[in-house]
PDB file of N, CA and C in Angstrom:
ATOM      1  N   MET A   1      32.795  -5.900  44.037  1.00  0.00           N
ATOM      2  CA  MET A   1      31.758  -6.914  45.939  1.00  0.00           C
ATOM      3  C   MET A   1      31.429  -7.988  44.771  1.00  0.00           C
ATOM      4  N   SER A   2      30.803  -8.188  43.300  1.00  0.00           N
ATOM      5  CA  SER A   2      30.793  -9.286  42.947  1.00  0.00           C
ATOM      6  C   SER A   2      32.112 -10.672  42.283  1.00  0.00           C
ATOM      7  N   HIS A   3      32.958 -10.709  42.930  1.00  0.00           N
ATOM      8  CA  HIS A   3      34.106 -10.934  42.818  1.00  0.00           C
ATOM      9  C   HIS A   3      33.953 -11.771  44.228  1.00  0.00           C
ATOM     10  N   TYR A   4      33.544 -11.160  45.374  1.00  0.00           N
ATOM     11  CA  TYR A   4      33.791 -11.841  46.460  1.00  0.00           C
ATOM     12  C   TYR A   4      32.179 -12.619  46.439  1.00  0.00           C
ATOM     13  N   GLU A   5      30.683 -12.016  45.832  1.00  0.00           N
ATOM     14  CA  GLU A   5      30.066 -13.180  45.765  1.00  0.00           C
ATOM     15  C   GLU A   5      30.146 -14.190  45.319  1.00  0.00           C
ATOM     16  N   LYS A   6      31.102 -14.131  44.082  1.00  0.00           N
ATOM     17  CA  LYS A   6      31.279 -14.855  43.302  1.00  0.00           C
ATOM     18  C   LYS A   6      32.651 -15.925  43.441  1.00  0.00           C
ATOM     19  N   ASN A   7      32.896 -15.597  45.172  1.00  0.00           N
ATOM     20  CA  ASN A   7      34.614 -15.997  45.914  1.00  0.00           C
ATOM     21  C   ASN A   7      36.152 -16.388  44.117  1.00  0.00           C
ATOM     22  N   ARG A   8      36.205 -15.481  43.097  1.00  0.00           N
ATOM     23  CA  ARG A   8      37.241 -15.189  42.826  1.00  0.00           C
ATOM     24  C   ARG A   8      38.336 -14.697  44.119  1.00  0.00           C
ATOM     25  N   ARG A   9      37.441 -14.198  44.915  1.00  0.00           N
ATOM     26  CA  ARG A   9      38.583 -13.228  46.057  1.00  0.00           C
ATOM     27  C   ARG A   9      37.773 -13.014  47.244  1.00  0.00           C
ATOM     28  N   GLU A  10      38.716 -13.091  48.256  1.00  0.00           N
ATOM     29  CA  GLU A  10      38.291 -12.889  49.657  1.00  0.00           C
ATOM     30  C   GLU A  10      38.497 -11.251  49.922  1.00  0.00           C
ATOM     31  N   PRO A  11      37.795 -11.501  50.851  1.00  0.00           N
ATOM     32  CA  PRO A  11      37.978  -9.289  52.022  1.00  0.00           C
ATOM     33  C   PRO A  11      38.775  -9.028  52.857  1.00  0.00           C
ATOM     34  N   ASP A  12      39.669  -8.906  53.181  1.00  0.00           N
ATOM     35  CA  ASP A  12      40.902  -8.752  53.887  1.00  0.00           C
ATOM     36  C   ASP A  12      40.190  -8.524  54.876  1.00  0.00           C
ATOM     37  N   THR A  13      40.355  -8.915  56.551  1.00  0.00           N
ATOM     38  CA  THR A  13      40.173  -8.128  57.805  1.00  0.00           C
ATOM     39  C   THR A  13      39.178  -6.134  57.791  1.00  0.00           C
ATOM     40  N   ASP A  14      40.256  -5.853  56.989  1.00  0.00           N
ATOM     41  CA  ASP A  14      39.617  -4.042  56.751  1.00  0.00           C
ATOM     42  C   ASP A  14      38.054  -4.068  55.942  1.00  0.00           C
ATOM     43  N   THR A  15      38.672  -5.017  55.141  1.00  0.00           N
ATOM     44  CA  THR A  15      36.631  -4.853  54.603  1.00  0.00           C
ATOM     45  C   THR A  15      35.928  -5.468  55.000  1.00  0.00           C
ATOM     46  N   LEU A  16      36.518  -6.322  55.778  1.00  0.00           N
ATOM     47  CA  LEU A  16      34.763  -7.477  57.106  1.00  0.00           C
ATOM     48  C   LEU A  16      34.889  -6.221  57.241  1.00  0.00           C
ATOM     49  N   ALA A  17      35.434  -5.465  57.884  1.00  0.00           N
ATOM     50  CA  ALA A  17      34.711  -4.406  59.395  1.00  0.00           C
ATOM     51  C   ALA A  17      33.834  -3.823  58.583  1.00  0.00           C
ATOM     52  N   LYS A  18      34.988  -2.416  57.037  1.00  0.00           N
ATOM     53  CA  LYS A  18      33.474  -1.908  56.947  1.00  0.00           C
ATOM     54  C   LYS A  18      32.748  -2.203  56.674  1.00  0.00           C
ATOM     55  N   PHE A  19      32.274  -4.340  55.743  1.00  0.00           N
ATOM     56  CA  PHE A  19      31.340  -4.227  55.380  1.00  0.00           C
ATOM     57  C   PHE A  19      29.749  -4.557  56.694  1.00  0.00           C
ATOM     58  N   ALA A  20      29.844  -5.071  57.767  1.00  0.00           N
ATOM     59  CA  ALA A  20      30.026  -5.067  59.426  1.00  0.00           C
ATOM     60  C   ALA A  20      29.637  -3.688  59.459  1.00  0.00           C
ATOM     61  N   ASP A  21      30.473  -2.659  59.472  1.00  0.00           N
ATOM     62  CA  ASP A  21      29.847  -1.650  59.667  1.00  0.00           C
ATOM     63  C   ASP A  21      28.194  -1.214  59.049  1.00  0.00           C
ATOM     64  N   ILE A  22      28.231  -1.067  57.998  1.00  0.00           N
ATOM     65  CA  ILE A  22      28.245  -0.945  56.339  1.00  0.00           C
ATOM     66  C   ILE A  22      26.441  -1.709  56.926  1.00  0.00           C
ATOM     67  N   TYR A  23      26.436  -2.440  57.753  1.00  0.00           N
ATOM     68  CA  TYR A  23      25.245  -3.818  57.336  1.00  0.00           C
ATOM     69  C   TYR A  23      24.976  -3.232  58.670  1.00  0.00           C
ATOM     70  N   GLN A  24      25.740  -3.495  59.723  1.00  0.00           N
ATOM     71  CA  GLN A  24      25.631  -3.286  61.212  1.00  0.00           C
ATOM     72  C   GLN A  24      25.511  -4.202  61.220  1.00  0.00           C
ATOM     73  N   VAL A  25      26.149  -5.624  61.570  1.00  0.00           N
ATOM     74  CA  VAL A  25      25.723  -6.935  62.118  1.00  0.00           C
ATOM     75  C   VAL A  25      27.042  -7.520  61.784  1.00  0.00           C
ATOM     76  N   SER A  26      27.871  -8.273  63.019  1.00  0.00           N
ATOM     77  CA  SER A  26      29.068  -8.791  63.107  1.00  0.00           C
ATOM     78  C   SER A  26      29.793  -9.933  62.617  1.00  0.00           C
ATOM     79  N   ILE A  27      31.384  -9.631  62.051  1.00  0.00           N
ATOM     80  CA  ILE A  27      31.815 -10.471  61.622  1.00  0.00           C
ATOM     81  C   ILE A  27      31.934 -11.232  61.636  1.00  0.00           C
ATOM     82  N   ASP A  28      31.560 -12.046  62.401  1.00  0.00           N
ATOM     83  CA  ASP A  28      31.086 -14.096  62.268  1.00  0.00           C
ATOM     84  C   ASP A  28      30.004 -14.280  61.743  1.00  0.00           C
ATOM     85  N   TYR A  29      28.921 -12.919  62.308  1.00  0.00           N
ATOM     86  CA  TYR A  29      27.414 -13.343  60.790  1.00  0.00           C
ATOM     87  C   TYR A  29      27.703 -13.053  59.438  1.00  0.00           C
ATOM     88  N   LEU A  30      28.544 -12.635  58.581  1.00  0.00           N
ATOM     89  CA  LEU A  30      28.734 -12.242  58.561  1.00  0.00           C
ATOM     90  C   LEU A  30      30.193 -13.369  56.930  1.00  0.00           C
ATOM     91  N   VAL A  31      31.072 -13.590  57.750  1.00  0.00           N
ATOM     92  CA  VAL A  31      31.154 -15.435  57.685  1.00  0.00           C
ATOM     93  C   VAL A  31      30.885 -16.375  58.237  1.00  0.00           C
ATOM     94  N   GLY A  32      29.975 -16.599  58.119  1.00  0.00           N
ATOM     95  CA  GLY A  32      28.793 -16.992  58.276  1.00  0.00           C
ATOM     96  C   GLY A  32      29.056 -18.048  59.236  1.00  0.00           C
ATOM     97  N   ARG A  33      30.020 -17.532  60.954  1.00  0.00           N
ATOM     98  CA  ARG A  33      30.249 -18.561  62.375  1.00  0.00           C
ATOM     99  C   ARG A  33      29.044 -18.302  62.919  1.00  0.00           C
ATOM    100  N   THR A  34      28.621 -17.828  63.004  1.00  0.00           N
ATOM    101  CA  THR A  34      26.439 -17.458  64.146  1.00  0.00           C
ATOM    102  C   THR A  34      25.416 -16.561  63.054  1.00  0.00           C
ATOM    103  N   ASP A  35      24.815 -17.284  63.068  1.00  0.00           N
ATOM    104  CA  ASP A  35      23.373 -16.619  62.883  1.00  0.00           C
ATOM    105  C   ASP A  35      22.423 -15.946  63.733  1.00  0.00           C
ATOM    106  N   ASN A  36      23.120 -15.446  64.537  1.00  0.00           N
ATOM    107  CA  ASN A  36      22.972 -14.505  65.184  1.00  0.00           C
ATOM    108  C   ASN A  36      23.933 -13.178  64.809  1.00  0.00           C
ATOM    109  N   PRO A  37      23.297 -11.935  63.786  1.00  0.00           N
ATOM    110  CA  PRO A  37      23.858 -10.890  62.937  1.00  0.00           C
ATOM    111  C   PRO A  37      24.300  -9.500  64.953  1.00  0.00           C
ATOM    112  N   GLU A  38      24.029  -9.797  66.077  1.00  0.00           N
ATOM    113  CA  GLU A  38      24.307  -9.274  66.453  1.00  0.00           C
ATOM    114  C   GLU A  38      25.384  -9.277  67.951  1.00  0.00           C
ATOM    115  N   ALA A  39      25.651 -10.392  67.108  1.00  0.00           N
ATOM    116  CA  ALA A  39      26.732 -11.518  68.558  1.00  0.00           C
ATOM    117  C   ALA A  39      27.538 -10.561  68.634  1.00  0.00           C
ATOM    118  N   THR A  40      28.361  -9.944  70.112  1.00  0.00           N
ATOM    119  CA  THR A  40      28.767  -9.608  70.510  1.00  0.00           C
ATOM    120  C   THR A  40      30.598 -10.278  71.308  1.00  0.00           C
ATOM    121  N   LEU A  41      31.611  -9.677  71.207  1.00  0.00           N
ATOM    122  CA  LEU A  41      32.382 -10.663  72.427  1.00  0.00           C
ATOM    123  C   LEU A  41      31.758 -10.750  73.513  1.00  0.00           C
ATOM    124  N   ASP A  42      31.650 -11.702  73.922  1.00  0.00           N
ATOM    125  CA  ASP A  42      32.175 -11.787  76.221  1.00  0.00           C
ATOM    126  C   ASP A  42      32.114 -10.166  76.992  1.00  0.00           C
ATOM    127  N   PRO A  43      31.723  -9.904  77.834  1.00  0.00           N
ATOM    128  CA  PRO A  43      32.432  -8.850  78.182  1.00  0.00           C
ATOM    129  C   PRO A  43      33.961  -8.810  79.340  1.00  0.00           C
ATOM    130  N   ASP A  44      33.653 -10.173  79.205  1.00  0.00           N
ATOM    131  CA  ASP A  44      35.663 -10.856  80.014  1.00  0.00           C
ATOM    132  C   ASP A  44      36.478 -10.225  79.159  1.00  0.00           C
ATOM    133  N   VAL A  45      36.072 -10.916  77.745  1.00  0.00           N
ATOM    134  CA  VAL A  45      37.203 -11.319  76.607  1.00  0.00           C
ATOM    135  C   VAL A  45      36.695  -9.667  76.277  1.00  0.00           C
ATOM    136  N   ARG A  46      36.291  -8.916  76.139  1.00  0.00           N
ATOM    137  CA  ARG A  46      36.547  -7.472  75.179  1.00  0.00           C
ATOM    138  C   ARG A  46      36.856  -6.551  76.290  1.00  0.00           C
ATOM    139  N   GLU A  47      36.951  -7.289  77.615  1.00  0.00           N
ATOM    140  CA  GLU A  47      38.156  -6.398  78.549  1.00  0.00           C
ATOM    141  C   GLU A  47      39.318  -6.612  79.139  1.00  0.00           C
ATOM    142  N   PHE A  48      39.287  -8.259  78.738  1.00  0.00           N
ATOM    143  CA  PHE A  48      41.267  -8.683  77.988  1.00  0.00           C
ATOM    144  C   PHE A  48      41.728  -7.790  76.893  1.00  0.00           C
ATOM    145  N   ALA A  49      40.652  -8.239  75.726  1.00  0.00           N
ATOM    146  CA  ALA A  49      41.114  -7.813  74.882  1.00  0.00           C
ATOM    147  C   ALA A  49      41.535  -5.769  74.605  1.00  0.00           C
ATOM    148  N   GLY A  50      40.999  -5.289  75.071  1.00  0.00           N
ATOM    149  CA  GLY A  50      41.059  -3.936  76.225  1.00  0.00           C
ATOM    150  C   GLY A  50      42.527  -3.542  76.912  1.00  0.00           C
ATOM    151  N   SER A  51      42.680  -4.527  77.554  1.00  0.00           N
ATOM    152  CA  SER A  51      43.762  -4.055  77.964  1.00  0.00           C
ATOM    153  C   SER A  51      45.695  -4.186  77.483  1.00  0.00           C
ATOM    154  N   ILE A  52      44.982  -5.074  75.771  1.00  0.00           N
ATOM    155  CA  ILE A  52      46.680  -5.453  75.716  1.00  0.00           C
ATOM    156  C   ILE A  52      47.588  -5.169  74.818  1.00  0.00           C
ATOM    157  N   GLU A  53      47.916  -4.166  74.435  1.00  0.00           N
ATOM    158  CA  GLU A  53      49.095  -4.101  73.574  1.00  0.00           C
ATOM    159  C   GLU A  53      48.827  -4.222  72.320  1.00  0.00           C
ATOM    160  N   LEU A  54      48.109  -4.944  71.174  1.00  0.00           N
ATOM    161  CA  LEU A  54      48.247  -5.201  70.443  1.00  0.00           C
ATOM    162  C   LEU A  54      49.823  -5.561  69.724  1.00  0.00           C
ATOM    163  N   SER A  55      49.956  -3.937  68.795  1.00  0.00           N
ATOM    164  CA  SER A  55      51.207  -3.699  68.146  1.00  0.00           C
ATOM    165  C   SER A  55      52.576  -4.292  68.559  1.00  0.00           C
ATOM    166  N   ASP A  56      51.879  -4.555  69.707  1.00  0.00           N
ATOM    167  CA  ASP A  56      53.551  -5.287  70.731  1.00  0.00           C
ATOM    168  C   ASP A  56      54.384  -6.085  69.898  1.00  0.00           C
ATOM    169  N   GLN A  57      54.725  -6.625  69.278  1.00  0.00           N
ATOM    170  CA  GLN A  57      55.469  -7.893  68.765  1.00  0.00           C
ATOM    171  C   GLN A  57      55.795  -8.956  70.120  1.00  0.00           C
ATOM    172  N   GLU A  58      56.003  -8.705  70.429  1.00  0.00           N
ATOM    173  CA  GLU A  58      56.477  -9.005  71.992  1.00  0.00           C
ATOM    174  C   GLU A  58      55.057 -10.161  73.075  1.00  0.00           C
ATOM    175  N   LEU A  59      53.513  -9.738  72.639  1.00  0.00           N
ATOM    176  CA  LEU A  59      52.652 -10.257  72.996  1.00  0.00           C
ATOM    177  C   LEU A  59      53.298 -11.682  71.664  1.00  0.00           C
ATOM    178  N   LEU A  60      53.355 -11.960  70.546  1.00  0.00           N
ATOM    179  CA  LEU A  60      52.931 -12.672  69.689  1.00  0.00           C
ATOM    180  C   LEU A  60      54.546 -14.219  70.088  1.00  0.00           C
ATOM    181  N   GLU A  61      55.879 -13.446  70.465  1.00  0.00           N
ATOM    182  CA  GLU A  61      56.383 -13.802  71.536  1.00  0.00           C
ATOM    183  C   GLU A  61      56.643 -14.128  72.913  1.00  0.00           C
ATOM    184  N   LYS A  62      55.858 -13.981  73.647  1.00  0.00           N
ATOM    185  CA  LYS A  62      55.643 -14.806  74.630  1.00  0.00           C
ATOM    186  C   LYS A  62      54.758 -15.590  74.943  1.00  0.00           C
ATOM    187  N   PHE A  63      53.546 -14.883  73.921  1.00  0.00           N
ATOM    188  CA  PHE A  63      52.546 -16.172  74.797  1.00  0.00           C
ATOM    189  C   PHE A  63      52.090 -17.381  73.428  1.00  0.00           C
ATOM    190  N   ALA A  64      51.913 -18.181  73.732  1.00  0.00           N
ATOM    191  CA  ALA A  64      51.990 -18.941  73.243  1.00  0.00           C
ATOM    192  C   ALA A  64      49.656 -19.433  72.624  1.00  0.00           C
ATOM    193  N   PHE A  65      49.544 -18.603  72.132  1.00  0.00           N
ATOM    194  CA  PHE A  65      47.922 -18.606  72.215  1.00  0.00           C
ATOM    195  C   PHE A  65      47.804 -20.204  70.995  1.00  0.00           C
ATOM    196  N   SER A  66      46.166 -20.690  71.534  1.00  0.00           N
ATOM    197  CA  SER A  66      46.473 -21.847  70.774  1.00  0.00           C
ATOM    198  C   SER A  66      44.304 -21.992  70.855  1.00  0.00           C
ATOM    199  N   ILE A  67      43.996 -22.056  70.509  1.00  0.00           N
ATOM    200  CA  ILE A  67      42.209 -22.828  70.609  1.00  0.00           C
ATOM    201  C   ILE A  67      42.211 -24.260  70.583  1.00  0.00           C
ATOM    202  N   ASP A  68      41.012 -24.586  71.379  1.00  0.00           N
ATOM    203  CA  ASP A  68      40.779 -25.774  71.112  1.00  0.00           C
ATOM    204  C   ASP A  68      42.346 -27.237  71.478  1.00  0.00           C
ATOM    205  N   GLY A  69      43.140 -26.034  72.134  1.00  0.00           N
ATOM    206  CA  GLY A  69      44.311 -27.412  72.155  1.00  0.00           C
ATOM    207  C   GLY A  69      45.485 -27.199  70.896  1.00  0.00           C
ATOM    208  N   SER A  70      45.253 -26.778  69.758  1.00  0.00           N
ATOM    209  CA  SER A  70      46.632 -26.391  69.353  1.00  0.00           C
ATOM    210  C   SER A  70      46.647 -25.267  68.851  1.00  0.00           C
ATOM    211  N   PRO A  71      47.843 -25.547  69.384  1.00  0.00           N
ATOM    212  CA  PRO A  71      48.306 -23.647  69.092  1.00  0.00           C
ATOM    213  C   PRO A  71      48.543 -22.830  67.728  1.00  0.00           C
ATOM    214  N   LEU A  72      48.553 -21.371  67.865  1.00  0.00           N
ATOM    215  CA  LEU A  72      47.810 -20.960  66.341  1.00  0.00           C
ATOM    216  C   LEU A  72      49.614 -20.566  65.639  1.00  0.00           C
ATOM    217  N   THR A  73      49.902 -19.669  64.268  1.00  0.00           N
ATOM    218  CA  THR A  73      50.972 -19.958  63.969  1.00  0.00           C
ATOM    219  C   THR A  73      50.931 -18.861  63.980  1.00  0.00           C
ATOM    220  N   PRO A  74      52.033 -18.503  64.020  1.00  0.00           N
ATOM    221  CA  PRO A  74      51.918 -16.918  63.759  1.00  0.00           C
ATOM    222  C   PRO A  74      51.496 -15.398  62.916  1.00  0.00           C
ATOM    223  N   GLU A  75      50.867 -16.407  61.878  1.00  0.00           N
ATOM    224  CA  GLU A  75      50.035 -15.921  60.613  1.00  0.00           C
ATOM    225  C   GLU A  75      48.341 -16.005  61.853  1.00  0.00           C
ATOM    226  N   GLU A  76      47.776 -17.044  62.528  1.00  0.00           N
ATOM    227  CA  GLU A  76      46.947 -17.261  62.081  1.00  0.00           C
ATOM    228  C   GLU A  76      46.572 -15.878  64.164  1.00  0.00           C
ATOM    229  N   SER A  77      47.598 -15.726  65.118  1.00  0.00           N
ATOM    230  CA  SER A  77      47.994 -15.240  65.617  1.00  0.00           C
ATOM    231  C   SER A  77      47.399 -13.506  65.369  1.00  0.00           C
ATOM    232  N   LYS A  78      48.049 -13.666  64.058  1.00  0.00           N
ATOM    233  CA  LYS A  78      47.648 -12.199  63.730  1.00  0.00           C
ATOM    234  C   LYS A  78      46.253 -11.574  63.215  1.00  0.00           C
ATOM    235  N   MET A  79      46.350 -13.267  62.692  1.00  0.00           N
ATOM    236  CA  MET A  79      44.521 -12.886  62.183  1.00  0.00           C
ATOM    237  C   MET A  79      43.646 -12.632  63.376  1.00  0.00           C
ATOM    238  N   PHE A  80      43.988 -13.180  64.774  1.00  0.00           N
ATOM    239  CA  PHE A  80      43.010 -13.682  65.727  1.00  0.00           C
ATOM    240  C   PHE A  80      43.282 -11.249  66.444  1.00  0.00           C
ATOM    241  N   ILE A  81      44.341 -11.348  66.237  1.00  0.00           N
ATOM    242  CA  ILE A  81      44.565  -9.744  66.790  1.00  0.00           C
ATOM    243  C   ILE A  81      43.976  -9.240  65.911  1.00  0.00           C
ATOM    244  N   ALA A  82      43.785  -8.720  64.844  1.00  0.00           N
ATOM    245  CA  ALA A  82      43.091  -8.096  63.713  1.00  0.00           C
ATOM    246  C   ALA A  82      42.328  -8.232  64.110  1.00  0.00           C
ATOM    247  N   PHE A  83      41.199  -9.568  64.128  1.00  0.00           N
ATOM    248  CA  PHE A  83      39.490  -9.620  64.309  1.00  0.00           C
ATOM    249  C   PHE A  83      39.651  -8.772  65.620  1.00  0.00           C
ATOM    250  N   ILE A  84      40.172  -8.574  66.703  1.00  0.00           N
ATOM    251  CA  ILE A  84      40.162  -7.921  67.570  1.00  0.00           C
ATOM    252  C   ILE A  84      40.004  -6.704  67.480  1.00  0.00           C
ATOM    253  N   ARG A  85      40.759  -6.067  66.603  1.00  0.00           N
ATOM    254  CA  ARG A  85      41.002  -5.175  66.545  1.00  0.00           C
ATOM    255  C   ARG A  85      39.709  -4.613  65.185  1.00  0.00           C
ATOM    256  N   ALA A  86      39.615  -5.119  64.634  1.00  0.00           N
ATOM    257  CA  ALA A  86      37.847  -5.101  63.370  1.00  0.00           C
ATOM    258  C   ALA A  86      36.712  -5.116  64.738  1.00  0.00           C
ATOM    259  N   ASN A  87      36.458  -5.926  65.445  1.00  0.00           N
ATOM    260  CA  ASN A  87      35.478  -6.048  66.695  1.00  0.00           C
ATOM    261  C   ASN A  87      35.928  -4.864  67.367  1.00  0.00           C
ATOM    262  N   ARG A  88      36.952  -4.037  67.597  1.00  0.00           N
ATOM    263  CA  ARG A  88      36.705  -3.012  68.750  1.00  0.00           C
ATOM    264  C   ARG A  88      35.615  -1.686  68.443  1.00  0.00           C
ATOM    265  N   SER A  89      36.557  -1.971  66.476  1.00  0.00           N
ATOM    266  CA  SER A  89      36.000  -0.795  65.855  1.00  0.00           C
ATOM    267  C   SER A  89      34.290   0.111  65.728  1.00  0.00           C
ATOM    268  N   MET A  90      33.370  -1.659  65.656  1.00  0.00           N
ATOM    269  CA  MET A  90      32.351  -1.443  64.922  1.00  0.00           C
ATOM    270  C   MET A  90      31.677  -0.901  66.516  1.00  0.00           C
ATOM    271  N   ARG A  91      32.394  -0.916  67.868  1.00  0.00           N
ATOM    272  CA  ARG A  91      31.365  -0.034  68.458  1.00  0.00           C
ATOM    273  C   ARG A  91      31.085   0.965  68.942  1.00  0.00           C
TER     274      ARG A  91
END
């Protein structure tokens, strides 16, 4: 824990999800993306995320994910999927 506090190490998505569960806050709150500790996904986004088979490699190959007009790299796309999984596990 002290390595995280002193910026010597960064937690992986599984660890972030566990911290979020322990402290009953969102991952976005933990990483400073929101001041609202109870922020959750928009219901439409949650429904969309729930209808995709995220483990399917074809998802990454068939769809070009982008944010703010910039395409996501394969690694960023995997991080996006990991975020959705972590958020869903907090329900």
